[in-house]
Amino acid sequence: MCNACAYEHGFQQRCQRIAQRDQQIGESAMARLMATGRFRSDEVRCEVRNAEVVLRGRVATWYHKQVAQHAVLEIANVVSLRNLLEVGPPSSSN
């Protein structure tokens, strides 16, 4: 039984409420990250599944990695956070 809505769901089917909550968390996370003024939307990605957030991408410094982590952890309903941001200069694709 789904804890979010008290209905039975098939094994592969996600509850619509959970999917909407995950989408809201993802949008809030990206908004908070952009509001810091330290990130561009093309360098940081936020993936959300069952209120578990994964940060991916590349940031310039360890400080930026921590800023991103703290910004996302302050969002309501986030169950856990995996900060997989890499630190270093942007990779050159020339």
PDB file of N, CA and C in Angstrom:
ATOM      1  N   MET A   1       0.841  -1.187   0.000  1.00  0.00           N
ATOM      2  CA  MET A   1       0.000   0.000   0.000  1.00  0.00           C
ATOM      3  C   MET A   1       0.882   1.244   0.000  1.00  0.00           C
ATOM      4  N   CYS A   2       0.461   2.220  -0.758  1.00  0.00           N
ATOM      5  CA  CYS A   2       1.213   3.464  -0.875  1.00  0.00           C
ATOM      6  C   CYS A   2       1.020   4.313   0.386  1.00  0.00           C
ATOM      7  N   ASN A   3       2.118   4.705   1.008  1.00  0.00           N
ATOM      8  CA  ASN A   3       2.031   5.539   2.208  1.00  0.00           C
ATOM      9  C   ASN A   3       1.521   6.937   1.898  1.00  0.00           C
ATOM     10  N   ALA A   4       1.727   7.391   0.655  1.00  0.00           N
ATOM     11  CA  ALA A   4       1.343   8.754   0.300  1.00  0.00           C
ATOM     12  C   ALA A   4      -0.152   8.906   0.087  1.00  0.00           C
ATOM     13  N   CYS A   5      -0.806   7.852  -0.410  1.00  0.00           N
ATOM     14  CA  CYS A   5      -2.216   8.039  -0.756  1.00  0.00           C
ATOM     15  C   CYS A   5      -3.130   6.900  -0.305  1.00  0.00           C
ATOM     16  N   ALA A   6      -2.604   5.886   0.348  1.00  0.00           N
ATOM     17  CA  ALA A   6      -3.380   4.769   0.884  1.00  0.00           C
ATOM     18  C   ALA A   6      -4.078   3.946  -0.192  1.00  0.00           C
ATOM     19  N   TYR A   7      -3.486   3.866  -1.385  1.00  0.00           N
ATOM     20  CA  TYR A   7      -4.011   3.021  -2.460  1.00  0.00           C
ATOM     21  C   TYR A   7      -2.956   1.999  -2.856  1.00  0.00           C
ATOM     22  N   GLU A   8      -3.416   0.907  -3.439  1.00  0.00           N
ATOM     23  CA  GLU A   8      -2.508  -0.103  -3.978  1.00  0.00           C
ATOM     24  C   GLU A   8      -2.047   0.344  -5.365  1.00  0.00           C
ATOM     25  N   HIS A   9      -0.778   0.148  -5.659  1.00  0.00           N
ATOM     26  CA  HIS A   9      -0.228   0.462  -6.967  1.00  0.00           C
ATOM     27  C   HIS A   9       0.515  -0.751  -7.481  1.00  0.00           C
ATOM     28  N   GLY A  10       0.557  -0.906  -8.791  1.00  0.00           N
ATOM     29  CA  GLY A  10       1.335  -1.978  -9.385  1.00  0.00           C
ATOM     30  C   GLY A  10       2.812  -1.782  -9.123  1.00  0.00           C
ATOM     31  N   PHE A  11       3.581  -2.840  -9.272  1.00  0.00           N
ATOM     32  CA  PHE A  11       5.011  -2.810  -8.973  1.00  0.00           C
ATOM     33  C   PHE A  11       5.737  -1.727  -9.759  1.00  0.00           C
ATOM     34  N   GLN A  12       5.443  -1.560 -11.038  1.00  0.00           N
ATOM     35  CA  GLN A  12       6.146  -0.603 -11.875  1.00  0.00           C
ATOM     36  C   GLN A  12       5.518   0.787 -11.880  1.00  0.00           C
ATOM     37  N   GLN A  13       4.328   0.911 -11.335  1.00  0.00           N
ATOM     38  CA  GLN A  13       3.607   2.190 -11.388  1.00  0.00           C
ATOM     39  C   GLN A  13       3.944   3.044 -10.172  1.00  0.00           C
ATOM     40  N   ARG A  14       4.326   4.280 -10.413  1.00  0.00           N
ATOM     41  CA  ARG A  14       4.582   5.212  -9.316  1.00  0.00           C
ATOM     42  C   ARG A  14       3.299   5.937  -8.982  1.00  0.00           C
ATOM     43  N   CYS A  15       3.081   6.161  -7.732  1.00  0.00           N
ATOM     44  CA  CYS A  15       1.935   6.941  -7.285  1.00  0.00           C
ATOM     45  C   CYS A  15       2.036   8.351  -7.858  1.00  0.00           C
ATOM     46  N   GLN A  16       0.937   8.863  -8.378  1.00  0.00           N
ATOM     47  CA  GLN A  16       0.924  10.201  -8.967  1.00  0.00           C
ATOM     48  C   GLN A  16       1.304  11.259  -7.933  1.00  0.00           C
ATOM     49  N   ARG A  17       0.872  11.086  -6.704  1.00  0.00           N
ATOM     50  CA  ARG A  17       1.222  12.060  -5.655  1.00  0.00           C
ATOM     51  C   ARG A  17       2.720  12.071  -5.384  1.00  0.00           C
ATOM     52  N   ILE A  18       3.327  10.894  -5.377  1.00  0.00           N
ATOM     53  CA  ILE A  18       4.769  10.818  -5.155  1.00  0.00           C
ATOM     54  C   ILE A  18       5.503  11.461  -6.325  1.00  0.00           C
ATOM     55  N   ALA A  19       5.049  11.178  -7.543  1.00  0.00           N
ATOM     56  CA  ALA A  19       5.681  11.765  -8.724  1.00  0.00           C
ATOM     57  C   ALA A  19       5.575  13.290  -8.693  1.00  0.00           C
ATOM     58  N   GLN A  20       4.436  13.813  -8.305  1.00  0.00           N
ATOM     59  CA  GLN A  20       4.256  15.264  -8.217  1.00  0.00           C
ATOM     60  C   GLN A  20       5.140  15.857  -7.123  1.00  0.00           C
ATOM     61  N   ARG A  21       5.212  15.170  -5.987  1.00  0.00           N
ATOM     62  CA  ARG A  21       6.070  15.649  -4.891  1.00  0.00           C
ATOM     63  C   ARG A  21       7.523  15.670  -5.339  1.00  0.00           C
ATOM     64  N   ASP A  22       7.963  14.607  -6.036  1.00  0.00           N
ATOM     65  CA  ASP A  22       9.341  14.560  -6.522  1.00  0.00           C
ATOM     66  C   ASP A  22       9.616  15.693  -7.499  1.00  0.00           C
ATOM     67  N   GLN A  23       8.669  15.978  -8.374  1.00  0.00           N
ATOM     68  CA  GLN A  23       8.831  17.067  -9.324  1.00  0.00           C
ATOM     69  C   GLN A  23       8.944  18.405  -8.592  1.00  0.00           C
ATOM     70  N   GLN A  24       8.110  18.602  -7.575  1.00  0.00           N
ATOM     71  CA  GLN A  24       8.167  19.844  -6.799  1.00  0.00           C
ATOM     72  C   GLN A  24       9.498  19.983  -6.066  1.00  0.00           C
ATOM     73  N   ILE A  25       9.991  18.880  -5.508  1.00  0.00           N
ATOM     74  CA  ILE A  25      11.282  18.911  -4.823  1.00  0.00           C
ATOM     75  C   ILE A  25      12.376  19.282  -5.817  1.00  0.00           C
ATOM     76  N   GLY A  26      12.354  18.668  -6.990  1.00  0.00           N
ATOM     77  CA  GLY A  26      13.361  18.958  -8.013  1.00  0.00           C
ATOM     78  C   GLY A  26      13.331  20.410  -8.453  1.00  0.00           C
ATOM     79  N   GLU A  27      12.128  20.948  -8.664  1.00  0.00           N
ATOM     80  CA  GLU A  27      12.003  22.355  -9.061  1.00  0.00           C
ATOM     81  C   GLU A  27      12.474  23.282  -7.952  1.00  0.00           C
ATOM     82  N   SER A  28      12.122  22.952  -6.712  1.00  0.00           N
ATOM     83  CA  SER A  28      12.564  23.768  -5.572  1.00  0.00           C
ATOM     84  C   SER A  28      14.077  23.716  -5.427  1.00  0.00           C
ATOM     85  N   ALA A  29      14.649  22.536  -5.619  1.00  0.00           N
ATOM     86  CA  ALA A  29      16.097  22.387  -5.492  1.00  0.00           C
ATOM     87  C   ALA A  29      16.817  23.234  -6.534  1.00  0.00           C
ATOM     88  N   MET A  30      16.376  23.154  -7.781  1.00  0.00           N
ATOM     89  CA  MET A  30      17.026  23.947  -8.824  1.00  0.00           C
ATOM     90  C   MET A  30      16.840  25.442  -8.578  1.00  0.00           C
ATOM     91  N   ALA A  31      15.666  25.848  -8.117  1.00  0.00           N
ATOM     92  CA  ALA A  31      15.424  27.263  -7.825  1.00  0.00           C
ATOM     93  C   ALA A  31      16.353  27.744  -6.710  1.00  0.00           C
ATOM     94  N   ARG A  32      16.513  26.923  -5.669  1.00  0.00           N
ATOM     95  CA  ARG A  32      17.398  27.307  -4.563  1.00  0.00           C
ATOM     96  C   ARG A  32      18.851  27.377  -5.017  1.00  0.00           C
ATOM     97  N   LEU A  33      19.251  26.415  -5.845  1.00  0.00           N
ATOM     98  CA  LEU A  33      20.624  26.424  -6.346  1.00  0.00           C
ATOM     99  C   LEU A  33      20.888  27.663  -7.193  1.00  0.00           C
ATOM    100  N   MET A  34      19.956  27.996  -8.068  1.00  0.00           N
ATOM    101  CA  MET A  34      20.127  29.178  -8.921  1.00  0.00           C
ATOM    102  C   MET A  34      20.081  30.465  -8.098  1.00  0.00           C
ATOM    103  N   ALA A  35      19.289  30.476  -7.025  1.00  0.00           N
ATOM    104  CA  ALA A  35      19.160  31.666  -6.179  1.00  0.00           C
ATOM    105  C   ALA A  35      20.456  31.983  -5.434  1.00  0.00           C
ATOM    106  N   THR A  36      21.327  30.995  -5.263  1.00  0.00           N
ATOM    107  CA  THR A  36      22.601  31.273  -4.589  1.00  0.00           C
ATOM    108  C   THR A  36      23.502  32.145  -5.455  1.00  0.00           C
ATOM    109  N   GLY A  37      23.264  32.149  -6.771  1.00  0.00           N
ATOM    110  CA  GLY A  37      24.099  32.914  -7.681  1.00  0.00           C
ATOM    111  C   GLY A  37      25.455  32.279  -7.944  1.00  0.00           C
ATOM    112  N   ARG A  38      25.666  31.056  -7.481  1.00  0.00           N
ATOM    113  CA  ARG A  38      26.959  30.397  -7.630  1.00  0.00           C
ATOM    114  C   ARG A  38      26.980  29.320  -8.713  1.00  0.00           C
ATOM    115  N   PHE A  39      25.803  28.987  -9.262  1.00  0.00           N
ATOM    116  CA  PHE A  39      25.711  27.877 -10.203  1.00  0.00           C
ATOM    117  C   PHE A  39      24.977  28.287 -11.469  1.00  0.00           C
ATOM    118  N   ARG A  40      25.283  27.565 -12.547  1.00  0.00           N
ATOM    119  CA  ARG A  40      24.529  27.687 -13.788  1.00  0.00           C
ATOM    120  C   ARG A  40      23.719  26.399 -13.955  1.00  0.00           C
ATOM    121  N   SER A  41      22.593  26.514 -14.591  1.00  0.00           N
ATOM    122  CA  SER A  41      21.732  25.337 -14.742  1.00  0.00           C
ATOM    123  C   SER A  41      22.370  24.255 -15.604  1.00  0.00           C
ATOM    124  N   ASP A  42      23.374  24.601 -16.392  1.00  0.00           N
ATOM    125  CA  ASP A  42      24.016  23.586 -17.226  1.00  0.00           C
ATOM    126  C   ASP A  42      25.169  22.871 -16.516  1.00  0.00           C
ATOM    127  N   GLU A  43      25.497  23.273 -15.277  1.00  0.00           N
ATOM    128  CA  GLU A  43      26.594  22.611 -14.581  1.00  0.00           C
ATOM    129  C   GLU A  43      26.128  21.720 -13.424  1.00  0.00           C
ATOM    130  N   VAL A  44      24.906  21.895 -12.960  1.00  0.00           N
ATOM    131  CA  VAL A  44      24.394  21.102 -11.845  1.00  0.00           C
ATOM    132  C   VAL A  44      23.047  20.496 -12.236  1.00  0.00           C
ATOM    133  N   ARG A  45      22.892  19.208 -11.964  1.00  0.00           N
ATOM    134  CA  ARG A  45      21.617  18.517 -12.201  1.00  0.00           C
ATOM    135  C   ARG A  45      21.108  17.966 -10.879  1.00  0.00           C
ATOM    136  N   CYS A  46      19.803  17.908 -10.783  1.00  0.00           N
ATOM    137  CA  CYS A  46      19.156  17.417  -9.572  1.00  0.00           C
ATOM    138  C   CYS A  46      18.177  16.324  -9.977  1.00  0.00           C
ATOM    139  N   GLU A  47      18.399  15.112  -9.501  1.00  0.00           N
ATOM    140  CA  GLU A  47      17.510  13.995  -9.777  1.00  0.00           C
ATOM    141  C   GLU A  47      16.778  13.643  -8.489  1.00  0.00           C
ATOM    142  N   VAL A  48      15.476  13.392  -8.584  1.00  0.00           N
ATOM    143  CA  VAL A  48      14.682  13.093  -7.390  1.00  0.00           C
ATOM    144  C   VAL A  48      13.861  11.839  -7.637  1.00  0.00           C
ATOM    145  N   ARG A  49      13.892  10.915  -6.702  1.00  0.00           N
ATOM    146  CA  ARG A  49      13.085   9.698  -6.759  1.00  0.00           C
ATOM    147  C   ARG A  49      12.698   9.347  -5.338  1.00  0.00           C
ATOM    148  N   ASN A  50      11.404   9.327  -5.060  1.00  0.00           N
ATOM    149  CA  ASN A  50      10.895   9.016  -3.719  1.00  0.00           C
ATOM    150  C   ASN A  50      11.481   9.940  -2.655  1.00  0.00           C
ATOM    151  N   ALA A  51      11.576  11.213  -2.985  1.00  0.00           N
ATOM    152  CA  ALA A  51      12.074  12.272  -2.103  1.00  0.00           C
ATOM    153  C   ALA A  51      13.554  12.130  -1.771  1.00  0.00           C
ATOM    154  N   GLU A  52      14.256  11.266  -2.505  1.00  0.00           N
ATOM    155  CA  GLU A  52      15.691  11.125  -2.361  1.00  0.00           C
ATOM    156  C   GLU A  52      16.344  11.909  -3.494  1.00  0.00           C
ATOM    157  N   VAL A  53      17.201  12.853  -3.148  1.00  0.00           N
ATOM    158  CA  VAL A  53      17.794  13.766  -4.114  1.00  0.00           C
ATOM    159  C   VAL A  53      19.234  13.359  -4.405  1.00  0.00           C
ATOM    160  N   VAL A  54      19.592  13.393  -5.684  1.00  0.00           N
ATOM    161  CA  VAL A  54      20.977  13.161  -6.105  1.00  0.00           C
ATOM    162  C   VAL A  54      21.429  14.390  -6.884  1.00  0.00           C
ATOM    163  N   LEU A  55      22.522  14.994  -6.431  1.00  0.00           N
ATOM    164  CA  LEU A  55      23.122  16.126  -7.136  1.00  0.00           C
ATOM    165  C   LEU A  55      24.256  15.601  -8.000  1.00  0.00           C
ATOM    166  N   ARG A  56      24.254  16.005  -9.275  1.00  0.00           N
ATOM    167  CA  ARG A  56      25.296  15.595 -10.210  1.00  0.00           C
ATOM    168  C   ARG A  56      25.781  16.823 -10.981  1.00  0.00           C
ATOM    169  N   GLY A  57      26.970  16.730 -11.480  1.00  0.00           N
ATOM    170  CA  GLY A  57      27.531  17.807 -12.280  1.00  0.00           C
ATOM    171  C   GLY A  57      28.914  18.160 -11.787  1.00  0.00           C
ATOM    172  N   ARG A  58      29.365  19.351 -12.160  1.00  0.00           N
ATOM    173  CA  ARG A  58      30.713  19.791 -11.793  1.00  0.00           C
ATOM    174  C   ARG A  58      30.636  21.221 -11.276  1.00  0.00           C
ATOM    175  N   VAL A  59      31.302  21.450 -10.158  1.00  0.00           N
ATOM    176  CA  VAL A  59      31.383  22.792  -9.575  1.00  0.00           C
ATOM    177  C   VAL A  59      32.851  23.175  -9.409  1.00  0.00           C
ATOM    178  N   ALA A  60      33.088  24.466  -9.245  1.00  0.00           N
ATOM    179  CA  ALA A  60      34.459  24.981  -9.229  1.00  0.00           C
ATOM    180  C   ALA A  60      35.241  24.625  -7.965  1.00  0.00           C
ATOM    181  N   THR A  61      34.573  24.616  -6.801  1.00  0.00           N
ATOM    182  CA  THR A  61      35.307  24.430  -5.545  1.00  0.00           C
ATOM    183  C   THR A  61      34.534  23.516  -4.594  1.00  0.00           C
ATOM    184  N   TRP A  62      35.244  23.028  -3.563  1.00  0.00           N
ATOM    185  CA  TRP A  62      34.584  22.241  -2.516  1.00  0.00           C
ATOM    186  C   TRP A  62      33.539  23.096  -1.797  1.00  0.00           C
ATOM    187  N   TYR A  63      33.827  24.362  -1.653  1.00  0.00           N
ATOM    188  CA  TYR A  63      32.873  25.273  -1.020  1.00  0.00           C
ATOM    189  C   TYR A  63      31.551  25.280  -1.794  1.00  0.00           C
ATOM    190  N   HIS A  64      31.627  25.365  -3.122  1.00  0.00           N
ATOM    191  CA  HIS A  64      30.409  25.352  -3.935  1.00  0.00           C
ATOM    192  C   HIS A  64      29.653  24.033  -3.768  1.00  0.00           C
ATOM    193  N   LYS A  65      30.383  22.944  -3.644  1.00  0.00           N
ATOM    194  CA  LYS A  65      29.743  21.640  -3.425  1.00  0.00           C
ATOM    195  C   LYS A  65      28.948  21.654  -2.109  1.00  0.00           C
ATOM    196  N   GLN A  66      29.534  22.245  -1.072  1.00  0.00           N
ATOM    197  CA  GLN A  66      28.851  22.322   0.223  1.00  0.00           C
ATOM    198  C   GLN A  66      27.671  23.292   0.188  1.00  0.00           C
ATOM    199  N   VAL A  67      27.825  24.408  -0.522  1.00  0.00           N
ATOM    200  CA  VAL A  67      26.716  25.364  -0.662  1.00  0.00           C
ATOM    201  C   VAL A  67      25.525  24.671  -1.310  1.00  0.00           C
ATOM    202  N   ALA A  68      25.786  23.906  -2.360  1.00  0.00           N
ATOM    203  CA  ALA A  68      24.712  23.190  -3.052  1.00  0.00           C
ATOM    204  C   ALA A  68      24.027  22.205  -2.112  1.00  0.00           C
ATOM    205  N   GLN A  69      24.815  21.471  -1.370  1.00  0.00           N
ATOM    206  CA  GLN A  69      24.262  20.480  -0.446  1.00  0.00           C
ATOM    207  C   GLN A  69      23.370  21.137   0.606  1.00  0.00           C
ATOM    208  N   HIS A  70      23.833  22.191   1.210  1.00  0.00           N
ATOM    209  CA  HIS A  70      23.048  22.864   2.250  1.00  0.00           C
ATOM    210  C   HIS A  70      21.781  23.496   1.689  1.00  0.00           C
ATOM    211  N   ALA A  71      21.855  24.036   0.487  1.00  0.00           N
ATOM    212  CA  ALA A  71      20.669  24.647  -0.128  1.00  0.00           C
ATOM    213  C   ALA A  71      19.574  23.610  -0.330  1.00  0.00           C
ATOM    214  N   VAL A  72      19.950  22.420  -0.768  1.00  0.00           N
ATOM    215  CA  VAL A  72      18.956  21.377  -1.041  1.00  0.00           C
ATOM    216  C   VAL A  72      18.446  20.742   0.253  1.00  0.00           C
ATOM    217  N   LEU A  73      19.302  20.581   1.231  1.00  0.00           N
ATOM    218  CA  LEU A  73      18.874  19.950   2.488  1.00  0.00           C
ATOM    219  C   LEU A  73      17.825  20.768   3.232  1.00  0.00           C
ATOM    220  N   GLU A  74      17.729  22.053   2.929  1.00  0.00           N
ATOM    221  CA  GLU A  74      16.750  22.901   3.607  1.00  0.00           C
ATOM    222  C   GLU A  74      15.346  22.794   3.010  1.00  0.00           C
ATOM    223  N   ILE A  75      15.185  22.023   1.949  1.00  0.00           N
ATOM    224  CA  ILE A  75      13.879  21.871   1.294  1.00  0.00           C
ATOM    225  C   ILE A  75      13.040  20.866   2.068  1.00  0.00           C
ATOM    226  N   ALA A  76      11.790  21.221   2.304  1.00  0.00           N
ATOM    227  CA  ALA A  76      10.877  20.328   3.015  1.00  0.00           C
ATOM    228  C   ALA A  76      10.668  19.047   2.207  1.00  0.00           C
ATOM    229  N   ASN A  77      10.482  17.950   2.878  1.00  0.00           N
ATOM    230  CA  ASN A  77      10.168  16.630   2.324  1.00  0.00           C
ATOM    231  C   ASN A  77      11.357  15.900   1.712  1.00  0.00           C
ATOM    232  N   VAL A  78      12.560  16.461   1.759  1.00  0.00           N
ATOM    233  CA  VAL A  78      13.723  15.737   1.261  1.00  0.00           C
ATOM    234  C   VAL A  78      14.091  14.683   2.298  1.00  0.00           C
ATOM    235  N   VAL A  79      14.094  13.422   1.854  1.00  0.00           N
ATOM    236  CA  VAL A  79      14.381  12.309   2.759  1.00  0.00           C
ATOM    237  C   VAL A  79      15.888  12.083   2.893  1.00  0.00           C
ATOM    238  N   SER A  80      16.584  12.138   1.757  1.00  0.00           N
ATOM    239  CA  SER A  80      18.029  11.963   1.784  1.00  0.00           C
ATOM    240  C   SER A  80      18.650  12.700   0.602  1.00  0.00           C
ATOM    241  N   LEU A  81      19.960  12.913   0.697  1.00  0.00           N
ATOM    242  CA  LEU A  81      20.685  13.625  -0.352  1.00  0.00           C
ATOM    243  C   LEU A  81      22.003  12.916  -0.607  1.00  0.00           C
ATOM    244  N   ARG A  82      22.277  12.638  -1.873  1.00  0.00           N
ATOM    245  CA  ARG A  82      23.591  12.127  -2.297  1.00  0.00           C
ATOM    246  C   ARG A  82      24.233  13.233  -3.118  1.00  0.00           C
ATOM    247  N   ASN A  83      25.316  13.760  -2.622  1.00  0.00           N
ATOM    248  CA  ASN A  83      26.008  14.848  -3.297  1.00  0.00           C
ATOM    249  C   ASN A  83      27.141  14.244  -4.135  1.00  0.00           C
ATOM    250  N   LEU A  84      26.854  14.010  -5.412  1.00  0.00           N
ATOM    251  CA  LEU A  84      27.837  13.434  -6.322  1.00  0.00           C
ATOM    252  C   LEU A  84      28.475  14.489  -7.218  1.00  0.00           C
ATOM    253  N   LEU A  85      28.389  15.749  -6.786  1.00  0.00           N
ATOM    254  CA  LEU A  85      29.007  16.817  -7.560  1.00  0.00           C
ATOM    255  C   LEU A  85      30.518  16.620  -7.580  1.00  0.00           C
ATOM    256  N   GLU A  86      31.098  16.805  -8.756  1.00  0.00           N
ATOM    257  CA  GLU A  86      32.545  16.727  -8.908  1.00  0.00           C
ATOM    258  C   GLU A  86      33.111  18.134  -8.764  1.00  0.00           C
ATOM    259  N   VAL A  87      34.321  18.213  -8.245  1.00  0.00           N
ATOM    260  CA  VAL A  87      34.967  19.511  -8.040  1.00  0.00           C
ATOM    261  C   VAL A  87      36.129  19.643  -9.011  1.00  0.00           C
ATOM    262  N   GLY A  88      36.158  20.768  -9.702  1.00  0.00           N
ATOM    263  CA  GLY A  88      37.266  21.011 -10.608  1.00  0.00           C
ATOM    264  C   GLY A  88      36.829  21.893 -11.764  1.00  0.00           C
ATOM    265  N   PRO A  89      37.787  22.255 -12.600  1.00  0.00           N
ATOM    266  CA  PRO A  89      37.456  23.106 -13.741  1.00  0.00           C
ATOM    267  C   PRO A  89      36.546  22.359 -14.715  1.00  0.00           C
ATOM    268  N   PRO A  90      35.766  23.082 -15.488  1.00  0.00           N
ATOM    269  CA  PRO A  90      34.904  22.436 -16.477  1.00  0.00           C
ATOM    270  C   PRO A  90      35.737  21.599 -17.439  1.00  0.00           C
ATOM    271  N   SER A  91      35.224  20.433 -17.788  1.00  0.00           N
ATOM    272  CA  SER A  91      35.952  19.587 -18.735  1.00  0.00           C
ATOM    273  C   SER A  91      35.857  20.206 -20.121  1.00  0.00           C
ATOM    274  N   SER A  92      36.981  20.230 -20.811  1.00  0.00           N
ATOM    275  CA  SER A  92      37.003  20.825 -22.157  1.00  0.00           C
ATOM    276  C   SER A  92      36.534  19.779 -23.162  1.00  0.00           C
ATOM    277  N   SER A  93      35.638  20.199 -24.026  1.00  0.00           N
ATOM    278  CA  SER A  93      35.108  19.294 -25.043  1.00  0.00           C
ATOM    279  C   SER A  93      35.518  19.762 -26.426  1.00  0.00           C
ATOM    280  N   ASN A  94      36.752  20.293 -26.530  1.00  0.00           N
ATOM    281  CA  ASN A  94      37.271  20.773 -27.819  1.00  0.00           C
ATOM    282  C   ASN A  94      37.900  19.640 -28.584  1.00  0.00           C
TER     283      ASN A  94
END
